[in-house]
C-alpha atoms as a PDB file:
ATOM      1  CA  MET A   1       0.062  -0.184   0.179  1.00  0.00           C
ATOM      2  CA  THR A   2       1.693   3.312  -0.944  1.00  0.00           C
ATOM      3  CA  GLU A   3       2.188   6.096   2.084  1.00  0.00           C
ATOM      4  CA  LEU A   4       1.169   9.583   1.152  1.00  0.00           C
ATOM      5  CA  ALA A   5       4.103  12.178   2.569  1.00  0.00           C
ATOM      6  CA  SER A   6       2.742  14.451   4.664  1.00  0.00           C
ATOM      7  CA  MET A   7       3.884  17.749   5.085  1.00  0.00           C
ATOM      8  CA  GLN A   8       4.104  20.807   7.726  1.00  0.00           C
ATOM      9  CA  ALA A   9       5.138  24.442   6.709  1.00  0.00           C
ATOM     10  CA  THR A  10       6.324  27.505   9.021  1.00  0.00           C
ATOM     11  CA  THR A  11       7.499  30.823   7.601  1.00  0.00           C
ATOM     12  CA  ASP A  12      11.202  29.621   7.907  1.00  0.00           C
ATOM     13  CA  GLU A  13      10.905  25.727   6.541  1.00  0.00           C
ATOM     14  CA  ILE A  14       8.943  22.557   4.905  1.00  0.00           C
ATOM     15  CA  LEU A  15       9.257  19.606   6.444  1.00  0.00           C
ATOM     16  CA  ALA A  16       7.685  16.551   4.461  1.00  0.00           C
ATOM     17  CA  GLU A  17       7.698  12.646   5.302  1.00  0.00           C
ATOM     18  CA  ILE A  18       7.330  10.099   3.724  1.00  0.00           C
ATOM     19  CA  HIS A  19       8.280   5.892   4.720  1.00  0.00           C
ATOM     20  CA  ILE A  20       9.608   3.909   1.891  1.00  0.00           C
ATOM     21  CA  ALA A  21       9.573   0.053   1.887  1.00  0.00           C
ATOM     22  CA  ALA A  22      13.328  -0.075   0.616  1.00  0.00           C
ATOM     23  CA  ALA A  23      16.585   0.247   2.884  1.00  0.00           C
ATOM     24  CA  PRO A  24      18.042   3.223   3.983  1.00  0.00           C
ATOM     25  CA  GLU A  25      21.353   2.307   1.319  1.00  0.00           C
ATOM     26  CA  ARG A  26      18.517   2.375  -1.023  1.00  0.00           C
ATOM     27  CA  VAL A  27      17.346   5.749  -0.571  1.00  0.00           C
ATOM     28  CA  PHE A  28      20.454   7.468  -0.296  1.00  0.00           C
ATOM     29  CA  GLN A  29      21.624   5.809  -3.646  1.00  0.00           C
ATOM     30  CA  ALA A  30      18.337   7.104  -5.637  1.00  0.00           C
ATOM     31  CA  LEU A  31      19.189  10.662  -3.987  1.00  0.00           C
ATOM     32  CA  VAL A  32      22.553  11.257  -5.343  1.00  0.00           C
ATOM     33  CA  ASP A  33      22.968   8.666  -8.339  1.00  0.00           C
ATOM     34  CA  PRO A  34      22.193  10.495 -11.568  1.00  0.00           C
ATOM     35  CA  ALA A  35      20.654   7.920 -13.570  1.00  0.00           C
ATOM     36  CA  GLN A  36      18.161   7.228 -10.381  1.00  0.00           C
ATOM     37  CA  VAL A  37      17.147  11.021 -10.167  1.00  0.00           C
ATOM     38  CA  VAL A  38      16.347  11.600 -13.695  1.00  0.00           C
ATOM     39  CA  ASN A  39      14.361   8.675 -13.431  1.00  0.00           C
ATOM     40  CA  TRP A  40      12.175   9.901 -10.304  1.00  0.00           C
ATOM     41  CA  TRP A  41      12.511  13.821 -10.059  1.00  0.00           C
ATOM     42  CA  GLY A  42       9.650  14.943 -12.089  1.00  0.00           C
ATOM     43  CA  GLN A  43       6.381  14.094 -14.467  1.00  0.00           C
ATOM     44  CA  GLY A  44       5.701  14.860 -17.522  1.00  0.00           C
ATOM     45  CA  ASN A  45       2.698  17.199 -17.350  1.00  0.00           C
ATOM     46  CA  LEU A  46       4.555  18.902 -14.610  1.00  0.00           C
ATOM     47  CA  TYR A  47       8.454  18.543 -15.058  1.00  0.00           C
ATOM     48  CA  ARG A  48      11.327  16.859 -15.363  1.00  0.00           C
ATOM     49  CA  CYS A  49      14.905  16.839 -14.223  1.00  0.00           C
ATOM     50  CA  THR A  50      16.692  15.688 -17.845  1.00  0.00           C
ATOM     51  CA  GLU A  51      20.078  16.148 -16.092  1.00  0.00           C
ATOM     52  CA  PHE A  52      21.571  15.493 -13.094  1.00  0.00           C
ATOM     53  CA  THR A  53      25.396  15.396 -12.148  1.00  0.00           C
ATOM     54  CA  CYS A  54      26.719  15.335  -8.869  1.00  0.00           C
ATOM     55  CA  ASP A  55      30.076  15.254  -6.857  1.00  0.00           C
ATOM     56  CA  PRO A  56      29.160  13.152  -3.965  1.00  0.00           C
ATOM     57  CA  ARG A  57      31.102  14.214  -0.787  1.00  0.00           C
ATOM     58  CA  PRO A  58      31.251  17.579   1.619  1.00  0.00           C
ATOM     59  CA  SER A  59      31.775  20.542  -0.558  1.00  0.00           C
ATOM     60  CA  GLY A  60      31.131  18.341  -3.614  1.00  0.00           C
ATOM     61  CA  SER A  61      28.058  19.822  -5.880  1.00  0.00           C
ATOM     62  CA  TRP A  62      25.187  18.960  -7.359  1.00  0.00           C
ATOM     63  CA  HIS A  63      23.656  20.388 -10.469  1.00  0.00           C
ATOM     64  CA  CYS A  64      19.988  19.515 -12.053  1.00  0.00           C
ATOM     65  CA  VAL A  65      18.962  20.638 -15.845  1.00  0.00           C
ATOM     66  CA  GLY A  66      14.774  19.913 -16.030  1.00  0.00           C
ATOM     67  CA  GLN A  67      12.319  20.520 -18.221  1.00  0.00           C
ATOM     68  CA  ARG A  68       8.513  22.397 -18.187  1.00  0.00           C
ATOM     69  CA  PRO A  69       6.092  20.851 -20.536  1.00  0.00           C
ATOM     70  CA  ASP A  70       6.448  24.107 -22.156  1.00  0.00           C
ATOM     71  CA  GLY A  71       9.883  23.411 -22.980  1.00  0.00           C
ATOM     72  CA  SER A  72      11.097  25.744 -21.362  1.00  0.00           C
ATOM     73  CA  VAL A  73      14.408  24.654 -19.308  1.00  0.00           C
ATOM     74  CA  PHE A  74      14.995  25.068 -15.062  1.00  0.00           C
ATOM     75  CA  GLU A  75      18.228  24.561 -12.829  1.00  0.00           C
ATOM     76  CA  VAL A  76      19.004  23.870  -9.237  1.00  0.00           C
ATOM     77  CA  LYS A  77      22.045  23.618  -7.674  1.00  0.00           C
ATOM     78  CA  GLY A  78      23.553  23.717  -4.525  1.00  0.00           C
ATOM     79  CA  GLN A  79      26.666  22.304  -2.656  1.00  0.00           C
ATOM     80  CA  TYR A  80      26.626  19.113  -0.296  1.00  0.00           C
ATOM     81  CA  LEU A  81      27.384  20.575   3.525  1.00  0.00           C
ATOM     82  CA  GLU A  82      26.679  17.400   5.002  1.00  0.00           C
ATOM     83  CA  PHE A  83      26.972  13.686   3.178  1.00  0.00           C
ATOM     84  CA  ASP A  84      26.866  10.648   5.454  1.00  0.00           C
ATOM     85  CA  PRO A  85      25.180   7.644   4.106  1.00  0.00           C
ATOM     86  CA  PRO A  86      22.763   6.423   4.387  1.00  0.00           C
ATOM     87  CA  ARG A  87      21.256   8.554   6.991  1.00  0.00           C
ATOM     88  CA  LEU A  88      22.258  12.264   6.464  1.00  0.00           C
ATOM     89  CA  LEU A  89      22.082  14.263   3.406  1.00  0.00           C
ATOM     90  CA  VAL A  90      22.327  17.997   3.239  1.00  0.00           C
ATOM     91  CA  HIS A  91      22.882  20.793   0.691  1.00  0.00           C
ATOM     92  CA  THR A  92      22.139  23.978  -0.639  1.00  0.00           C
ATOM     93  CA  TRP A  93      19.400  24.787  -2.716  1.00  0.00           C
ATOM     94  CA  ILE A  94      19.511  27.617  -5.934  1.00  0.00           C
ATOM     95  CA  ALA A  95      17.208  27.238  -8.100  1.00  0.00           C
ATOM     96  CA  SER A  96      17.023  29.216 -11.637  1.00  0.00           C
ATOM     97  CA  TRP A  97      13.353  30.370 -10.864  1.00  0.00           C
ATOM     98  CA  THR A  98      14.432  32.037  -7.339  1.00  0.00           C
ATOM     99  CA  LYS A  99      16.876  34.380  -8.908  1.00  0.00           C
ATOM    100  CA  ALA A 100      19.740  33.859  -6.210  1.00  0.00           C
ATOM    101  CA  ALA A 101      18.276  32.477  -3.195  1.00  0.00           C
ATOM    102  CA  LYS A 102      20.134  30.258  -1.895  1.00  0.00           C
ATOM    103  CA  THR A 103      17.809  27.632   0.731  1.00  0.00           C
ATOM    104  CA  THR A 104      18.700  24.502   2.337  1.00  0.00           C
ATOM    105  CA  VAL A 105      17.706  21.267   2.170  1.00  0.00           C
ATOM    106  CA  ARG A 106      17.697  18.241   4.828  1.00  0.00           C
ATOM    107  CA  TRP A 107      17.414  14.973   4.260  1.00  0.00           C
ATOM    108  CA  GLU A 108      16.829  12.502   7.062  1.00  0.00           C
ATOM    109  CA  LEU A 109      16.546   8.846   6.205  1.00  0.00           C
ATOM    110  CA  GLU A 110      15.576   6.819   9.398  1.00  0.00           C
ATOM    111  CA  PRO A 111      15.945   2.732   8.887  1.00  0.00           C
ATOM    112  CA  THR A 112      12.116   1.277  10.032  1.00  0.00           C
ATOM    113  CA  ARG A 113      10.782  -1.984  10.653  1.00  0.00           C
ATOM    114  CA  GLY A 114      10.426  -2.730   6.707  1.00  0.00           C
ATOM    115  CA  GLY A 115      11.978   0.231   5.259  1.00  0.00           C
ATOM    116  CA  THR A 116      12.960   3.872   5.557  1.00  0.00           C
ATOM    117  CA  LEU A 117      11.335   7.092   6.440  1.00  0.00           C
ATOM    118  CA  LEU A 118      12.531   9.511   4.641  1.00  0.00           C
ATOM    119  CA  ARG A 119      12.444  13.064   5.998  1.00  0.00           C
ATOM    120  CA  LEU A 120      12.866  16.130   4.249  1.00  0.00           C
ATOM    121  CA  ARG A 121      13.253  20.112   6.435  1.00  0.00           C
ATOM    122  CA  HIS A 122      13.694  22.946   3.474  1.00  0.00           C
ATOM    123  CA  ALA A 123      14.926  25.337   5.650  1.00  0.00           C
ATOM    124  CA  GLY A 124      15.913  29.381   5.171  1.00  0.00           C
ATOM    125  CA  LEU A 125      12.386  30.744   3.706  1.00  0.00           C
ATOM    126  CA  ALA A 126      12.104  33.152   5.978  1.00  0.00           C
ATOM    127  CA  ALA A 127      14.939  35.391   4.116  1.00  0.00           C
ATOM    128  CA  TYR A 128      12.595  34.596   1.123  1.00  0.00           C
ATOM    129  CA  PRO A 129       8.873  34.867   1.886  1.00  0.00           C
ATOM    130  CA  GLU A 130       7.825  35.145  -1.757  1.00  0.00           C
ATOM    131  CA  LEU A 131       9.263  32.008  -2.417  1.00  0.00           C
ATOM    132  CA  ALA A 132       7.418  29.512   0.049  1.00  0.00           C
ATOM    133  CA  GLU A 133       4.484  28.446  -1.842  1.00  0.00           C
ATOM    134  CA  SER A 134       7.242  27.377  -5.103  1.00  0.00           C
ATOM    135  CA  TYR A 135       8.227  24.759  -2.509  1.00  0.00           C
ATOM    136  CA  GLN A 136       4.783  23.138  -1.236  1.00  0.00           C
ATOM    137  CA  GLY A 137       5.772  20.497  -4.366  1.00  0.00           C
ATOM    138  CA  TRP A 138       8.323  18.510  -1.272  1.00  0.00           C
ATOM    139  CA  PRO A 139       5.460  15.992  -0.878  1.00  0.00           C
ATOM    140  CA  ARG A 140       4.848  15.092  -4.411  1.00  0.00           C
ATOM    141  CA  MET A 141       8.826  14.447  -5.287  1.00  0.00           C
ATOM    142  CA  LEU A 142       8.972  12.536  -2.265  1.00  0.00           C
ATOM    143  CA  GLY A 143       6.150  10.364  -3.470  1.00  0.00           C
ATOM    144  CA  TRP A 144       7.904   9.920  -6.503  1.00  0.00           C
ATOM    145  CA  ILE A 145      11.016   8.708  -4.727  1.00  0.00           C
ATOM    146  CA  GLN A 146       9.183   6.350  -3.443  1.00  0.00           C
ATOM    147  CA  ALA A 147       7.239   4.951  -6.575  1.00  0.00           C
ATOM    148  CA  LEU A 148      11.058   4.403  -8.503  1.00  0.00           C
ATOM    149  CA  LEU A 149      11.768   2.215  -5.467  1.00  0.00           C
ATOM    150  CA  GLU A 150       8.540   0.394  -4.247  1.00  0.00           C
ATOM    151  CA  ARG A 151       7.094  -0.214  -7.959  1.00  0.00           C
ATOM    152  CA  GLY A 152       9.748   0.885 -10.504  1.00  0.00           C
ATOM    153  CA  GLU A 153       7.467   3.733 -12.075  1.00  0.00           C
ATOM    154  CA  THR A 154       9.700   6.501 -13.283  1.00  0.00           C
ATOM    155  CA  VAL A 155       9.058  10.045 -15.274  1.00  0.00           C
ATOM    156  CA  VAL A 156       7.903   8.095 -18.315  1.00  0.00           C
ATOM    157  CA  THR A 157       5.650   5.142 -16.371  1.00  0.00           C
ATOM    158  CA  ARG A 158       4.339   7.564 -14.201  1.00  0.00           C
ATOM    159  CA  LYS A 159       1.119   8.476 -15.161  1.00  0.00           C
ATOM    160  CA  ALA A 160      -0.574  11.961 -14.750  1.00  0.00           C
ATOM    161  CA  SER A 161      -2.170  13.637 -11.969  1.00  0.00           C
END
């Protein structure tokens, strides 16, 4: 049974979490392996990551290039601040649609009976209150990772919602 991601928002951060029926090592790998990221990050009628590169280590960088349904391109990039597989990944987040706004995303992976509790914290939004709305899609993204790892569902095979 698929569990939906839950979300809470404050003026400074968005918290979202989901249970995934996969080991923390497997979930962590899906967050940093370029071949997997482009398979889960997106949905045809919304947007999708078409290229992902990273240097998976503390102070290493990461970069995503994506496309919207209208063909326009977006980019998201950052630097890894903490890299502790398979339990913690923290990185900066700078998105092309938010200009130079720099926030922080923290992924915590907690082993559970039957899988992993994946907890995401996107912080630093108080400095950019006009951007908080643009980051309400985190539960959807967590669902995409879950769909890949539990059912093998990819950006290409995912049904529009």
